[in-house]
Structure formats: structure tokens, C-alpha cells
């Protein structure tokens, strides 16, 4: 039991002094902000924002290709 306590204590001490974990956490925050911005721009479904414009454009392209074939 003492062996596991010592390993846990050493692991927590290393985690406390590790600076790479802070940088990784900052990247996670930036990625979450980017995902939020993209979701806000495209909307959560195809009926709002840029998603609606893309759906309309893809529909027109599909109709044009179908008519040409």
C-alpha cells in the first residue's frame, strides 16, 4: 500500500511542475473556441447561417448536373 502512495505522490509532484500540460490545456481551450466559432457560423443544422447557403448551392449544383446528364 505504501508503494502506491509513494508512486501517487511522485506523480502528483511531477504533474505540479510539468509545464507541458499547461500548454496542452491552452491548445484545448483554443480548439474549443474554434469549434464554437465554426458552429456559430455554420449553425447547428442546415437551415441557418452559412449552412443554409451551402445547402442551397449544393442543391443548385446537383440540379444543374442532373439536367446536363
Protein backbone atom coordinates (compact mmCIF):
# COMPACT_ATOMS: atom_id res chain seq x y z
CA UNK A 1 0.00 0.00 0.00
CA UNK A 2 2.87 2.34 0.83
CA UNK A 3 4.36 1.69 -2.60
CA UNK A 4 1.23 3.01 -4.34
CA UNK A 5 1.11 6.04 -2.06
CA UNK A 6 4.70 6.93 -2.92
CA UNK A 7 4.05 6.46 -6.65
CA UNK A 8 0.96 8.65 -6.48
CA UNK A 9 2.83 11.32 -4.51
CA UNK A 10 5.70 11.35 -7.03
CA UNK A 11 3.25 11.50 -9.95
CA UNK A 12 1.42 14.47 -8.42
CA UNK A 13 4.71 16.26 -7.76
CA UNK A 14 5.74 15.77 -11.39
CA UNK A 15 2.34 16.94 -12.60
CA UNK A 16 2.59 20.08 -10.46
CA UNK A 17 5.95 21.06 -12.00
CA UNK A 18 5.14 19.99 -15.57
CA UNK A 19 4.79 22.99 -17.88
CA UNK A 20 3.86 20.98 -20.99
CA UNK A 21 0.47 20.17 -19.54
CA UNK A 22 -0.35 23.88 -19.30
CA UNK A 23 0.45 24.41 -22.97
CA UNK A 24 -1.66 21.40 -23.95
CA UNK A 25 -4.57 22.75 -21.90
CA UNK A 26 -4.25 26.10 -23.68
CA UNK A 27 -4.45 24.32 -27.04
CA UNK A 28 -7.62 22.56 -25.89
CA UNK A 29 -9.16 25.92 -24.97
CA UNK A 30 -8.22 27.42 -28.36
CA UNK A 31 -9.62 24.38 -30.19
CA UNK A 32 -12.88 24.64 -28.25
CA UNK A 33 -13.17 28.31 -29.21
CA UNK A 34 -12.58 27.49 -32.88
CA UNK A 35 -15.21 24.75 -32.79
CA UNK A 36 -17.64 27.19 -31.18
CA UNK A 37 -16.96 29.83 -33.82
CA UNK A 38 -17.45 27.36 -36.66
CA UNK A 39 -20.67 26.08 -35.10
CA UNK A 40 -21.93 29.65 -34.75
CA UNK A 41 -21.05 30.48 -38.37
CA UNK A 42 -22.48 27.33 -39.91
CA UNK A 43 -25.31 26.86 -37.47
CA UNK A 44 -26.23 23.60 -35.84
CA UNK A 45 -28.41 22.49 -38.74
CA UNK A 46 -28.69 23.20 -42.46
CA UNK A 47 -31.46 25.81 -42.08
CA UNK A 48 -29.44 28.69 -40.62
CA UNK A 49 -26.35 30.73 -41.40
CA UNK A 50 -23.81 29.56 -43.89
CA UNK A 51 -25.25 26.06 -43.67
CA UNK A 52 -28.40 27.25 -45.45
CA UNK A 53 -26.36 28.95 -48.17
CA UNK A 54 -24.26 25.82 -48.68
CA UNK A 55 -27.34 23.60 -48.81
CA UNK A 56 -28.92 25.88 -51.42
CA UNK A 57 -25.74 26.00 -53.51
CA UNK A 58 -25.26 22.23 -53.38
CA UNK A 59 -28.88 21.76 -54.40
CA UNK A 60 -28.44 24.05 -57.41
CA UNK A 61 -25.24 22.29 -58.46
CA UNK A 62 -26.91 18.90 -58.15
CA UNK A 63 -29.86 20.08 -60.23
CA UNK A 64 -27.54 21.50 -62.91
CA UNK A 65 -25.50 18.30 -63.12
CA UNK A 66 -28.67 16.20 -63.27
CA UNK A 67 -30.11 18.41 -66.03
CA UNK A 68 -26.86 18.26 -68.01
CA UNK A 69 -26.69 14.49 -67.87
